[in-house]
Amino acid sequence: MSLHPSLAAVRHAVRRGLADLEPGARLVVACSGGADSLALASATVHEGREQGWYVVGATVDHGLQEGSAERAERVVVQLASLGVDETVSARASVEAPGLGPEAAARAGRYALLDEIRERFEAEAVLLGHTRDDQAETVLMGLARGSGGRAIAGMRRVFDHYRRPLLDVSHTDTVTACQVEGLEVWDDPHNLDPAFTRVRVRRRLLPVLEDELGPGVTDALARTADQLRADMDLLDAYADAALDASSMDDGLSVAALAGLAPPIRTRVLRAAAVAAGAPAGETFHQHVIAVDALVTDWHGQKWVDLPGHVRAVRRRDGVLRFERAEHTA
């Protein structure tokens, strides 16, 4: 009996995305109970049998919706029925000073997943983002004018995280769950037009498909792949430049001034994030304002940044990134 194409697509993506892992590797699969993460968990368990992978199914409860704790318990039961080796459920904090609700929830979720990975000494945490998520990310990056890094979309691998399903459509994950008889939870937030991503998914992308023809989602995802290598190369140059311009108390203005603008702005953004500015809320206008302290200096007092960075100041030829708790 042949395997259903959607189920085959999900399993093949997991096999390819984790091909470098050694037999017996320990993995954490983040699962919300939605189609994408359930399909990922099922495929990881299936592919892991031959490899002897130890699979931990993890669900994070943000406590933002009524009945979220009960739903988390149901996801744990589902994960156990799929055959994961161990399950874990945790409650994330969604209160983070200086962050919006979505960014705070994301920060809390990743902090917990990091703790779970360390607890189980896992090689990687698997996330269920699909090609549709990638297309939405690219489109939002274009709309916000966020630059090449945003248009390059989500990374397949970063730190200890992996996204094996970035080449798989959401339709395939839904169908794979149907084929396997898995009960999928539809998050009400995924229908709430108050969220930008929901409007992009349910309103904007369908219009683009109607007006430009089918394949827009695939094209946007391909754009991310094409830009990714370029962005990685520029980021590598920027990392070296950051090291070269770093001083004990900040960054050398003279060293920064000698950098090409695409490298300098990357250095400034990386320094801001390292000082506590949230990556997801540090936008182009913030970086340009900081860049003006280097290239258009006329006595500005400081530049405010989001999150835990209160100000960036230029003093005695040094650019200093000051955390909120260290400023008056």
C-alpha atoms as a PDB file:
ATOM      1  CA  MET A   1       0.000   0.000   0.000  1.00  0.00           C
ATOM      2  CA  SER A   2       1.486   3.326  -1.073  1.00  0.00           C
ATOM      3  CA  LEU A   3       1.964   6.137   1.427  1.00  0.00           C
ATOM      4  CA  HIS A   4      -0.303   9.167   1.063  1.00  0.00           C
ATOM      5  CA  PRO A   5       1.650  11.993  -0.681  1.00  0.00           C
ATOM      6  CA  SER A   6       1.078  14.490   2.138  1.00  0.00           C
ATOM      7  CA  LEU A   7       2.225  12.058   4.805  1.00  0.00           C
ATOM      8  CA  ALA A   8       5.222  11.168   2.646  1.00  0.00           C
ATOM      9  CA  ALA A   9       6.074  14.867   2.210  1.00  0.00           C
ATOM     10  CA  VAL A  10       6.130  15.482   5.955  1.00  0.00           C
ATOM     11  CA  ARG A  11       8.168  12.371   6.754  1.00  0.00           C
ATOM     12  CA  HIS A  12      10.638  13.031   3.936  1.00  0.00           C
ATOM     13  CA  ALA A  13      11.154  16.612   5.168  1.00  0.00           C
ATOM     14  CA  VAL A  14      11.902  15.395   8.694  1.00  0.00           C
ATOM     15  CA  ARG A  15      14.252  12.694   7.380  1.00  0.00           C
ATOM     16  CA  ARG A  16      16.133  15.239   5.260  1.00  0.00           C
ATOM     17  CA  GLY A  17      16.189  17.953   7.917  1.00  0.00           C
ATOM     18  CA  LEU A  18      17.615  15.642  10.585  1.00  0.00           C
ATOM     19  CA  ALA A  19      19.875  13.525   8.359  1.00  0.00           C
ATOM     20  CA  ASP A  20      23.040  14.703  10.106  1.00  0.00           C
ATOM     21  CA  LEU A  21      21.973  13.468  13.540  1.00  0.00           C
ATOM     22  CA  GLU A  22      23.632  10.441  15.048  1.00  0.00           C
ATOM     23  CA  PRO A  23      21.612   7.355  16.006  1.00  0.00           C
ATOM     24  CA  GLY A  24      20.323   7.722  19.541  1.00  0.00           C
ATOM     25  CA  ALA A  25      20.098  11.517  19.346  1.00  0.00           C
ATOM     26  CA  ARG A  26      17.797  13.208  21.848  1.00  0.00           C
ATOM     27  CA  LEU A  27      15.221  15.612  20.403  1.00  0.00           C
ATOM     28  CA  VAL A  28      12.520  17.915  21.748  1.00  0.00           C
ATOM     29  CA  VAL A  29       9.483  18.491  19.526  1.00  0.00           C
ATOM     30  CA  ALA A  30       7.527  21.637  20.394  1.00  0.00           C
ATOM     31  CA  CYS A  31       3.843  20.884  19.908  1.00  0.00           C
ATOM     32  CA  SER A  32       0.816  23.148  20.310  1.00  0.00           C
ATOM     33  CA  GLY A  33      -1.714  20.569  19.142  1.00  0.00           C
ATOM     34  CA  GLY A  34      -2.112  22.279  15.765  1.00  0.00           C
ATOM     35  CA  ALA A  35      -1.710  20.443  12.473  1.00  0.00           C
ATOM     36  CA  ASP A  36       1.841  21.593  11.779  1.00  0.00           C
ATOM     37  CA  SER A  37       3.370  20.591  15.092  1.00  0.00           C
ATOM     38  CA  LEU A  38       1.308  17.380  15.421  1.00  0.00           C
ATOM     39  CA  ALA A  39       2.395  16.265  11.954  1.00  0.00           C
ATOM     40  CA  LEU A  40       5.986  17.094  12.896  1.00  0.00           C
ATOM     41  CA  ALA A  41       5.794  15.117  16.142  1.00  0.00           C
ATOM     42  CA  SER A  42       4.290  12.091  14.418  1.00  0.00           C
ATOM     43  CA  ALA A  43       6.866  12.121  11.628  1.00  0.00           C
ATOM     44  CA  THR A  44       9.737  12.541  14.090  1.00  0.00           C
ATOM     45  CA  VAL A  45       8.583   9.532  16.096  1.00  0.00           C
ATOM     46  CA  HIS A  46       8.204   7.492  12.889  1.00  0.00           C
ATOM     47  CA  GLU A  47      11.604   8.452  11.476  1.00  0.00           C
ATOM     48  CA  GLY A  48      13.238   8.113  14.866  1.00  0.00           C
ATOM     49  CA  ARG A  49      12.380   4.455  15.313  1.00  0.00           C
ATOM     50  CA  GLU A  50      15.024   3.302  12.861  1.00  0.00           C
ATOM     51  CA  GLN A  51      17.572   5.791  14.177  1.00  0.00           C
ATOM     52  CA  GLY A  52      16.873   5.140  17.824  1.00  0.00           C
ATOM     53  CA  TRP A  53      16.160   8.817  18.517  1.00  0.00           C
ATOM     54  CA  TYR A  54      14.860   9.687  21.982  1.00  0.00           C
ATOM     55  CA  VAL A  55      11.930  12.019  21.297  1.00  0.00           C
ATOM     56  CA  VAL A  56      10.512  14.347  23.951  1.00  0.00           C
ATOM     57  CA  GLY A  57       7.153  15.938  23.177  1.00  0.00           C
ATOM     58  CA  ALA A  58       6.832  19.384  24.757  1.00  0.00           C
ATOM     59  CA  THR A  59       3.857  21.718  24.921  1.00  0.00           C
ATOM     60  CA  VAL A  60       3.935  25.261  26.286  1.00  0.00           C
ATOM     61  CA  ASP A  61       0.852  26.842  27.846  1.00  0.00           C
ATOM     62  CA  HIS A  62       0.824  30.628  27.640  1.00  0.00           C
ATOM     63  CA  GLY A  63      -2.351  30.887  29.710  1.00  0.00           C
ATOM     64  CA  LEU A  64      -3.785  33.464  27.312  1.00  0.00           C
ATOM     65  CA  GLN A  65      -7.030  31.644  26.557  1.00  0.00           C
ATOM     66  CA  GLU A  66      -9.710  30.092  28.703  1.00  0.00           C
ATOM     67  CA  GLY A  67      -9.156  26.363  29.107  1.00  0.00           C
ATOM     68  CA  SER A  68      -5.518  26.518  28.003  1.00  0.00           C
ATOM     69  CA  ALA A  69      -4.346  24.258  30.836  1.00  0.00           C
ATOM     70  CA  GLU A  70      -6.851  21.549  29.921  1.00  0.00           C
ATOM     71  CA  ARG A  71      -5.873  21.816  26.276  1.00  0.00           C
ATOM     72  CA  ALA A  72      -2.189  21.433  27.201  1.00  0.00           C
ATOM     73  CA  GLU A  73      -3.100  18.234  29.049  1.00  0.00           C
ATOM     74  CA  ARG A  74      -4.864  16.919  25.929  1.00  0.00           C
ATOM     75  CA  VAL A  75      -1.790  17.657  23.821  1.00  0.00           C
ATOM     76  CA  VAL A  76       0.352  15.719  26.285  1.00  0.00           C
ATOM     77  CA  VAL A  77      -2.005  12.754  25.928  1.00  0.00           C
ATOM     78  CA  GLN A  78      -1.839  13.033  22.130  1.00  0.00           C
ATOM     79  CA  LEU A  79       1.947  13.134  22.171  1.00  0.00           C
ATOM     80  CA  ALA A  80       2.063  10.056  24.372  1.00  0.00           C
ATOM     81  CA  SER A  81      -0.282   8.222  22.008  1.00  0.00           C
ATOM     82  CA  LEU A  82       2.015   9.078  19.101  1.00  0.00           C
ATOM     83  CA  GLY A  83       4.795   7.201  20.843  1.00  0.00           C
ATOM     84  CA  VAL A  84       7.137   9.906  22.088  1.00  0.00           C
ATOM     85  CA  ASP A  85       9.544   8.661  24.730  1.00  0.00           C
ATOM     86  CA  GLU A  86       8.649  11.348  27.231  1.00  0.00           C
ATOM     87  CA  THR A  87       6.282  14.307  27.527  1.00  0.00           C
ATOM     88  CA  VAL A  88       6.534  17.628  29.302  1.00  0.00           C
ATOM     89  CA  SER A  89       4.125  20.529  29.742  1.00  0.00           C
ATOM     90  CA  ALA A  90       5.135  23.947  31.055  1.00  0.00           C
ATOM     91  CA  ARG A  91       3.517  27.314  31.695  1.00  0.00           C
ATOM     92  CA  ALA A  92       5.208  30.316  30.082  1.00  0.00           C
ATOM     93  CA  SER A  93       5.242  33.842  31.405  1.00  0.00           C
ATOM     94  CA  VAL A  94       3.923  36.418  28.952  1.00  0.00           C
ATOM     95  CA  GLU A  95       4.911  39.461  30.963  1.00  0.00           C
ATOM     96  CA  ALA A  96       8.107  41.054  29.691  1.00  0.00           C
ATOM     97  CA  PRO A  97       8.793  44.768  30.204  1.00  0.00           C
ATOM     98  CA  GLY A  98       9.178  46.647  26.934  1.00  0.00           C
ATOM     99  CA  LEU A  99       7.713  43.869  24.783  1.00  0.00           C
ATOM    100  CA  GLY A 100       4.350  43.602  23.069  1.00  0.00           C
ATOM    101  CA  PRO A 101       2.107  40.603  23.867  1.00  0.00           C
ATOM    102  CA  GLU A 102       3.190  38.529  20.845  1.00  0.00           C
ATOM    103  CA  ALA A 103       6.890  39.202  21.423  1.00  0.00           C
ATOM    104  CA  ALA A 104       6.534  38.512  25.145  1.00  0.00           C
ATOM    105  CA  ALA A 105       4.783  35.195  24.497  1.00  0.00           C
ATOM    106  CA  ARG A 106       7.478  34.227  22.011  1.00  0.00           C
ATOM    107  CA  ALA A 107      10.264  35.144  24.441  1.00  0.00           C
ATOM    108  CA  GLY A 108       8.616  33.144  27.211  1.00  0.00           C
ATOM    109  CA  ARG A 109       8.088  30.154  24.932  1.00  0.00           C
ATOM    110  CA  TYR A 110      11.699  30.039  23.759  1.00  0.00           C
ATOM    111  CA  ALA A 111      13.015  30.485  27.284  1.00  0.00           C
ATOM    112  CA  LEU A 112      11.030  27.438  28.399  1.00  0.00           C
ATOM    113  CA  LEU A 113      12.053  25.382  25.382  1.00  0.00           C
ATOM    114  CA  ASP A 114      15.679  26.216  26.129  1.00  0.00           C
ATOM    115  CA  GLU A 115      15.197  24.960  29.690  1.00  0.00           C
ATOM    116  CA  ILE A 116      13.505  21.771  28.469  1.00  0.00           C
ATOM    117  CA  ARG A 117      16.298  21.098  25.974  1.00  0.00           C
ATOM    118  CA  GLU A 118      18.926  21.519  28.691  1.00  0.00           C
ATOM    119  CA  ARG A 119      16.968  19.340  31.118  1.00  0.00           C
ATOM    120  CA  PHE A 120      16.835  16.459  28.647  1.00  0.00           C
ATOM    121  CA  GLU A 121      20.298  17.164  27.180  1.00  0.00           C
ATOM    122  CA  ALA A 122      18.732  17.212  23.728  1.00  0.00           C
ATOM    123  CA  GLU A 123      20.682  18.009  20.567  1.00  0.00           C
ATOM    124  CA  ALA A 124      17.855  20.018  19.042  1.00  0.00           C
ATOM    125  CA  VAL A 125      14.392  21.502  19.504  1.00  0.00           C
ATOM    126  CA  LEU A 126      12.138  21.011  16.474  1.00  0.00           C
ATOM    127  CA  LEU A 127       9.633  23.697  15.452  1.00  0.00           C
ATOM    128  CA  GLY A 128       6.656  23.129  13.141  1.00  0.00           C
ATOM    129  CA  HIS A 129       6.851  26.211  10.898  1.00  0.00           C
ATOM    130  CA  THR A 130       5.861  25.476   7.299  1.00  0.00           C
ATOM    131  CA  ARG A 131       6.309  27.014   3.861  1.00  0.00           C
ATOM    132  CA  ASP A 132       3.135  29.048   4.456  1.00  0.00           C
ATOM    133  CA  ASP A 133       4.643  30.554   7.615  1.00  0.00           C
ATOM    134  CA  GLN A 134       7.783  31.387   5.667  1.00  0.00           C
ATOM    135  CA  ALA A 135       5.814  33.143   2.911  1.00  0.00           C
ATOM    136  CA  GLU A 136       3.897  35.190   5.482  1.00  0.00           C
ATOM    137  CA  THR A 137       7.146  36.202   7.169  1.00  0.00           C
ATOM    138  CA  VAL A 138       8.662  37.351   3.872  1.00  0.00           C
ATOM    139  CA  LEU A 139       5.563  39.320   2.937  1.00  0.00           C
ATOM    140  CA  MET A 140       5.420  41.071   6.315  1.00  0.00           C
ATOM    141  CA  GLY A 141       9.118  41.889   6.030  1.00  0.00           C
ATOM    142  CA  LEU A 142       8.503  43.463   2.628  1.00  0.00           C
ATOM    143  CA  ALA A 143       5.530  45.448   3.886  1.00  0.00           C
ATOM    144  CA  ARG A 144       7.465  46.799   6.866  1.00  0.00           C
ATOM    145  CA  GLY A 145      10.563  47.668   4.842  1.00  0.00           C
ATOM    146  CA  SER A 146      12.603  45.612   7.281  1.00  0.00           C
ATOM    147  CA  GLY A 147      15.453  44.832   4.897  1.00  0.00           C
ATOM    148  CA  GLY A 148      17.096  41.725   3.521  1.00  0.00           C
ATOM    149  CA  ARG A 149      17.284  39.803   6.784  1.00  0.00           C
ATOM    150  CA  ALA A 150      13.509  39.937   7.257  1.00  0.00           C
ATOM    151  CA  ILE A 151      12.878  39.047   3.618  1.00  0.00           C
ATOM    152  CA  ALA A 152      15.257  36.105   4.006  1.00  0.00           C
ATOM    153  CA  GLY A 153      12.618  34.740   6.367  1.00  0.00           C
ATOM    154  CA  MET A 154      12.964  32.172   9.107  1.00  0.00           C
ATOM    155  CA  ARG A 155      16.162  30.190   9.413  1.00  0.00           C
ATOM    156  CA  ARG A 156      16.041  26.428   8.975  1.00  0.00           C
ATOM    157  CA  VAL A 157      18.597  26.017  11.748  1.00  0.00           C
ATOM    158  CA  PHE A 158      19.588  28.453  14.506  1.00  0.00           C
ATOM    159  CA  ASP A 159      21.227  27.835  17.852  1.00  0.00           C
ATOM    160  CA  HIS A 160      19.734  24.482  18.960  1.00  0.00           C
ATOM    161  CA  TYR A 161      16.531  24.921  16.944  1.00  0.00           C
ATOM    162  CA  ARG A 162      15.489  23.351  13.642  1.00  0.00           C
ATOM    163  CA  ARG A 163      12.520  23.850  11.316  1.00  0.00           C
ATOM    164  CA  PRO A 164      12.315  20.666   9.216  1.00  0.00           C
ATOM    165  CA  LEU A 165       8.977  21.554   7.586  1.00  0.00           C
ATOM    166  CA  LEU A 166       9.878  24.843   5.876  1.00  0.00           C
ATOM    167  CA  ASP A 167       9.489  23.151   2.471  1.00  0.00           C
ATOM    168  CA  VAL A 168       6.147  21.568   3.388  1.00  0.00           C
ATOM    169  CA  SER A 169       2.782  23.278   2.905  1.00  0.00           C
ATOM    170  CA  HIS A 170       0.236  23.724   5.675  1.00  0.00           C
ATOM    171  CA  THR A 171      -2.224  21.839   3.468  1.00  0.00           C
ATOM    172  CA  ASP A 172       0.082  18.839   3.592  1.00  0.00           C
ATOM    173  CA  THR A 173       0.377  18.906   7.391  1.00  0.00           C
ATOM    174  CA  VAL A 174      -3.399  19.144   7.750  1.00  0.00           C
ATOM    175  CA  THR A 175      -3.882  16.262   5.317  1.00  0.00           C
ATOM    176  CA  ALA A 176      -1.176  14.190   7.003  1.00  0.00           C
ATOM    177  CA  CYS A 177      -2.995  14.550  10.326  1.00  0.00           C
ATOM    178  CA  GLN A 178      -6.277  13.547   8.689  1.00  0.00           C
ATOM    179  CA  VAL A 179      -4.655  10.480   7.146  1.00  0.00           C
ATOM    180  CA  GLU A 180      -3.276   9.445  10.538  1.00  0.00           C
ATOM    181  CA  GLY A 181      -6.539  10.180  12.329  1.00  0.00           C
ATOM    182  CA  LEU A 182      -5.038  12.889  14.541  1.00  0.00           C
ATOM    183  CA  GLU A 183      -7.411  15.370  16.137  1.00  0.00           C
ATOM    184  CA  VAL A 184      -6.113  18.866  15.387  1.00  0.00           C
ATOM    185  CA  TRP A 185      -6.668  21.928  17.575  1.00  0.00           C
ATOM    186  CA  ASP A 186      -7.506  25.107  15.666  1.00  0.00           C
ATOM    187  CA  ASP A 187      -6.170  28.056  17.663  1.00  0.00           C
ATOM    188  CA  PRO A 188      -8.809  30.843  17.730  1.00  0.00           C
ATOM    189  CA  HIS A 189      -5.952  33.346  17.506  1.00  0.00           C
ATOM    190  CA  ASN A 190      -5.318  32.021  13.993  1.00  0.00           C
ATOM    191  CA  LEU A 191      -8.686  33.475  12.982  1.00  0.00           C
ATOM    192  CA  ASP A 192      -8.417  36.775  14.846  1.00  0.00           C
ATOM    193  CA  PRO A 193      -7.845  39.661  12.403  1.00  0.00           C
ATOM    194  CA  ALA A 194      -6.366  41.706  15.233  1.00  0.00           C
ATOM    195  CA  PHE A 195      -3.127  39.861  14.486  1.00  0.00           C
ATOM    196  CA  THR A 196      -1.147  41.026  11.451  1.00  0.00           C
ATOM    197  CA  ARG A 197      -0.108  37.517  10.468  1.00  0.00           C
ATOM    198  CA  VAL A 198      -3.748  36.408  10.397  1.00  0.00           C
ATOM    199  CA  ARG A 199      -4.677  39.255   8.052  1.00  0.00           C
ATOM    200  CA  VAL A 200      -1.753  38.379   5.801  1.00  0.00           C
ATOM    201  CA  ARG A 201      -2.758  34.702   5.741  1.00  0.00           C
ATOM    202  CA  ARG A 202      -6.496  35.058   5.326  1.00  0.00           C
ATOM    203  CA  ARG A 203      -6.824  38.279   3.335  1.00  0.00           C
ATOM    204  CA  LEU A 204      -3.650  39.392   1.609  1.00  0.00           C
ATOM    205  CA  LEU A 205      -2.167  36.124   0.317  1.00  0.00           C
ATOM    206  CA  PRO A 206      -5.487  34.948  -1.204  1.00  0.00           C
ATOM    207  CA  VAL A 207      -5.786  38.277  -3.044  1.00  0.00           C
ATOM    208  CA  LEU A 208      -2.240  37.947  -4.384  1.00  0.00           C
ATOM    209  CA  GLU A 209      -2.963  34.397  -5.534  1.00  0.00           C
ATOM    210  CA  ASP A 210      -6.133  35.593  -7.298  1.00  0.00           C
ATOM    211  CA  GLU A 211      -4.512  38.597  -8.966  1.00  0.00           C
ATOM    212  CA  LEU A 212      -1.034  37.226  -9.763  1.00  0.00           C
ATOM    213  CA  GLY A 213      -1.886  33.581 -10.235  1.00  0.00           C
ATOM    214  CA  PRO A 214      -1.171  30.479  -8.154  1.00  0.00           C
ATOM    215  CA  GLY A 215       2.273  29.914  -6.722  1.00  0.00           C
ATOM    216  CA  VAL A 216       2.761  33.182  -4.828  1.00  0.00           C
ATOM    217  CA  THR A 217       3.339  31.362  -1.533  1.00  0.00           C
ATOM    218  CA  ASP A 218       5.965  29.123  -3.122  1.00  0.00           C
ATOM    219  CA  ALA A 219       7.636  32.105  -4.802  1.00  0.00           C
ATOM    220  CA  LEU A 220       7.868  34.049  -1.542  1.00  0.00           C
ATOM    221  CA  ALA A 221       9.394  31.047   0.208  1.00  0.00           C
ATOM    222  CA  ARG A 222      11.920  30.633  -2.637  1.00  0.00           C
ATOM    223  CA  THR A 223      12.835  34.296  -2.282  1.00  0.00           C
ATOM    224  CA  ALA A 224      13.741  33.643   1.343  1.00  0.00           C
ATOM    225  CA  ASP A 225      16.023  30.765   0.338  1.00  0.00           C
ATOM    226  CA  GLN A 226      17.721  32.827  -2.364  1.00  0.00           C
ATOM    227  CA  LEU A 227      18.467  35.691   0.027  1.00  0.00           C
ATOM    228  CA  ARG A 228      19.516  33.545   2.952  1.00  0.00           C
ATOM    229  CA  ALA A 229      23.058  32.784   1.712  1.00  0.00           C
ATOM    230  CA  ASP A 230      23.689  36.455   0.920  1.00  0.00           C
ATOM    231  CA  MET A 231      22.473  37.551   4.339  1.00  0.00           C
ATOM    232  CA  ASP A 232      24.565  34.907   6.086  1.00  0.00           C
ATOM    233  CA  LEU A 233      27.698  36.121   4.292  1.00  0.00           C
ATOM    234  CA  LEU A 234      27.041  39.757   5.212  1.00  0.00           C
ATOM    235  CA  ASP A 235      26.333  38.736   8.791  1.00  0.00           C
ATOM    236  CA  ALA A 236      29.674  36.897   8.940  1.00  0.00           C
ATOM    237  CA  TYR A 237      31.449  40.076   7.805  1.00  0.00           C
ATOM    238  CA  ALA A 238      29.468  42.056  10.375  1.00  0.00           C
ATOM    239  CA  ASP A 239      30.431  39.652  13.183  1.00  0.00           C
ATOM    240  CA  ALA A 240      34.111  40.190  12.379  1.00  0.00           C
ATOM    241  CA  ALA A 241      33.600  43.964  12.218  1.00  0.00           C
ATOM    242  CA  LEU A 242      31.786  43.930  15.571  1.00  0.00           C
ATOM    243  CA  ASP A 243      34.728  42.178  17.182  1.00  0.00           C
ATOM    244  CA  ALA A 244      37.180  44.634  15.608  1.00  0.00           C
ATOM    245  CA  SER A 245      35.250  47.737  16.729  1.00  0.00           C
ATOM    246  CA  SER A 246      34.443  46.546  20.253  1.00  0.00           C
ATOM    247  CA  MET A 247      36.005  48.254  23.255  1.00  0.00           C
ATOM    248  CA  ASP A 248      35.625  47.659  26.976  1.00  0.00           C
ATOM    249  CA  ASP A 249      32.856  50.244  27.282  1.00  0.00           C
ATOM    250  CA  GLY A 250      31.228  50.180  23.838  1.00  0.00           C
ATOM    251  CA  LEU A 251      32.052  50.495  20.150  1.00  0.00           C
ATOM    252  CA  SER A 252      34.721  52.669  18.586  1.00  0.00           C
ATOM    253  CA  VAL A 253      33.092  55.447  16.541  1.00  0.00           C
ATOM    254  CA  ALA A 254      36.206  55.729  14.348  1.00  0.00           C
ATOM    255  CA  ALA A 255      36.134  52.015  13.562  1.00  0.00           C
ATOM    256  CA  LEU A 256      32.410  52.129  12.820  1.00  0.00           C
ATOM    257  CA  ALA A 257      32.802  55.141  10.524  1.00  0.00           C
ATOM    258  CA  GLY A 258      35.247  53.198   8.380  1.00  0.00           C
ATOM    259  CA  LEU A 259      32.783  50.379   7.673  1.00  0.00           C
ATOM    260  CA  ALA A 260      30.626  50.075   4.583  1.00  0.00           C
ATOM    261  CA  PRO A 261      27.028  51.074   5.469  1.00  0.00           C
ATOM    262  CA  PRO A 262      25.512  47.561   5.038  1.00  0.00           C
ATOM    263  CA  ILE A 263      28.097  46.152   7.448  1.00  0.00           C
ATOM    264  CA  ARG A 264      27.941  49.058   9.907  1.00  0.00           C
ATOM    265  CA  THR A 265      24.149  48.893  10.305  1.00  0.00           C
ATOM    266  CA  ARG A 266      24.387  45.157  10.941  1.00  0.00           C
ATOM    267  CA  VAL A 267      27.036  45.761  13.579  1.00  0.00           C
ATOM    268  CA  LEU A 268      24.857  48.374  15.281  1.00  0.00           C
ATOM    269  CA  ARG A 269      21.799  46.147  15.265  1.00  0.00           C
ATOM    270  CA  ALA A 270      23.769  43.201  16.658  1.00  0.00           C
ATOM    271  CA  ALA A 271      25.180  45.416  19.417  1.00  0.00           C
ATOM    272  CA  ALA A 272      21.707  46.676  20.299  1.00  0.00           C
ATOM    273  CA  VAL A 273      20.295  43.150  20.517  1.00  0.00           C
ATOM    274  CA  ALA A 274      23.276  41.995  22.595  1.00  0.00           C
ATOM    275  CA  ALA A 275      22.579  44.883  24.993  1.00  0.00           C
ATOM    276  CA  GLY A 276      18.971  43.763  25.496  1.00  0.00           C
ATOM    277  CA  ALA A 277      16.896  45.223  22.664  1.00  0.00           C
ATOM    278  CA  PRO A 278      14.483  42.511  21.434  1.00  0.00           C
ATOM    279  CA  ALA A 279      15.425  41.343  17.943  1.00  0.00           C
ATOM    280  CA  GLY A 280      11.791  41.214  16.837  1.00  0.00           C
ATOM    281  CA  GLU A 281      11.141  44.821  17.845  1.00  0.00           C
ATOM    282  CA  THR A 282      14.417  46.444  16.792  1.00  0.00           C
ATOM    283  CA  PHE A 283      13.454  47.889  13.442  1.00  0.00           C
ATOM    284  CA  HIS A 284      15.241  49.722  10.638  1.00  0.00           C
ATOM    285  CA  GLN A 285      14.328  53.139  11.993  1.00  0.00           C
ATOM    286  CA  HIS A 286      15.998  52.303  15.310  1.00  0.00           C
ATOM    287  CA  VAL A 287      19.206  51.239  13.584  1.00  0.00           C
ATOM    288  CA  ILE A 288      19.237  54.305  11.318  1.00  0.00           C
ATOM    289  CA  ALA A 289      18.843  56.575  14.349  1.00  0.00           C
ATOM    290  CA  VAL A 290      21.814  54.897  16.034  1.00  0.00           C
ATOM    291  CA  ASP A 291      23.783  55.067  12.783  1.00  0.00           C
ATOM    292  CA  ALA A 292      23.281  58.841  12.772  1.00  0.00           C
ATOM    293  CA  LEU A 293      25.309  59.002  15.997  1.00  0.00           C
ATOM    294  CA  VAL A 294      28.214  57.781  13.872  1.00  0.00           C
ATOM    295  CA  THR A 295      27.618  59.391  10.482  1.00  0.00           C
ATOM    296  CA  ASP A 296      25.594  62.536  11.297  1.00  0.00           C
ATOM    297  CA  TRP A 297      26.821  63.546  14.728  1.00  0.00           C
ATOM    298  CA  HIS A 298      25.744  67.020  15.843  1.00  0.00           C
ATOM    299  CA  GLY A 299      25.527  66.620  19.593  1.00  0.00           C
ATOM    300  CA  GLN A 300      22.509  64.316  19.941  1.00  0.00           C
ATOM    301  CA  LYS A 301      22.046  63.277  23.570  1.00  0.00           C
ATOM    302  CA  TRP A 302      20.936  59.703  22.979  1.00  0.00           C
ATOM    303  CA  VAL A 303      18.788  57.323  20.953  1.00  0.00           C
ATOM    304  CA  ASP A 304      16.086  55.291  22.710  1.00  0.00           C
ATOM    305  CA  LEU A 305      15.675  51.635  21.809  1.00  0.00           C
ATOM    306  CA  PRO A 306      12.951  49.101  22.702  1.00  0.00           C
ATOM    307  CA  GLY A 307      13.180  46.565  25.467  1.00  0.00           C
ATOM    308  CA  HIS A 308      15.860  46.707  28.136  1.00  0.00           C
ATOM    309  CA  VAL A 309      18.075  49.206  26.305  1.00  0.00           C
ATOM    310  CA  ARG A 310      17.262  52.675  27.584  1.00  0.00           C
ATOM    311  CA  ALA A 311      19.628  54.642  25.374  1.00  0.00           C
ATOM    312  CA  VAL A 312      22.568  54.622  23.010  1.00  0.00           C
ATOM    313  CA  ARG A 313      24.957  57.496  23.683  1.00  0.00           C
ATOM    314  CA  ARG A 314      28.093  58.803  21.989  1.00  0.00           C
ATOM    315  CA  ARG A 315      30.799  59.984  24.379  1.00  0.00           C
ATOM    316  CA  ASP A 316      34.503  60.569  23.791  1.00  0.00           C
ATOM    317  CA  GLY A 317      34.503  58.674  20.507  1.00  0.00           C
ATOM    318  CA  VAL A 318      32.717  55.652  21.944  1.00  0.00           C
ATOM    319  CA  LEU A 319      29.165  54.428  21.270  1.00  0.00           C
ATOM    320  CA  ARG A 320      27.696  53.079  24.511  1.00  0.00           C
ATOM    321  CA  PHE A 321      24.617  50.858  24.755  1.00  0.00           C
ATOM    322  CA  GLU A 322      23.128  51.391  28.193  1.00  0.00           C
ATOM    323  CA  ARG A 323      20.670  48.980  29.781  1.00  0.00           C
ATOM    324  CA  ALA A 324      17.560  50.449  31.394  1.00  0.00           C
ATOM    325  CA  GLU A 325      18.548  49.471  34.905  1.00  0.00           C
ATOM    326  CA  HIS A 326      21.827  51.333  34.570  1.00  0.00           C
ATOM    327  CA  THR A 327      20.390  54.721  33.586  1.00  0.00           C
ATOM    328  CA  ALA A 328      18.547  57.386  35.486  1.00  0.00           C
END
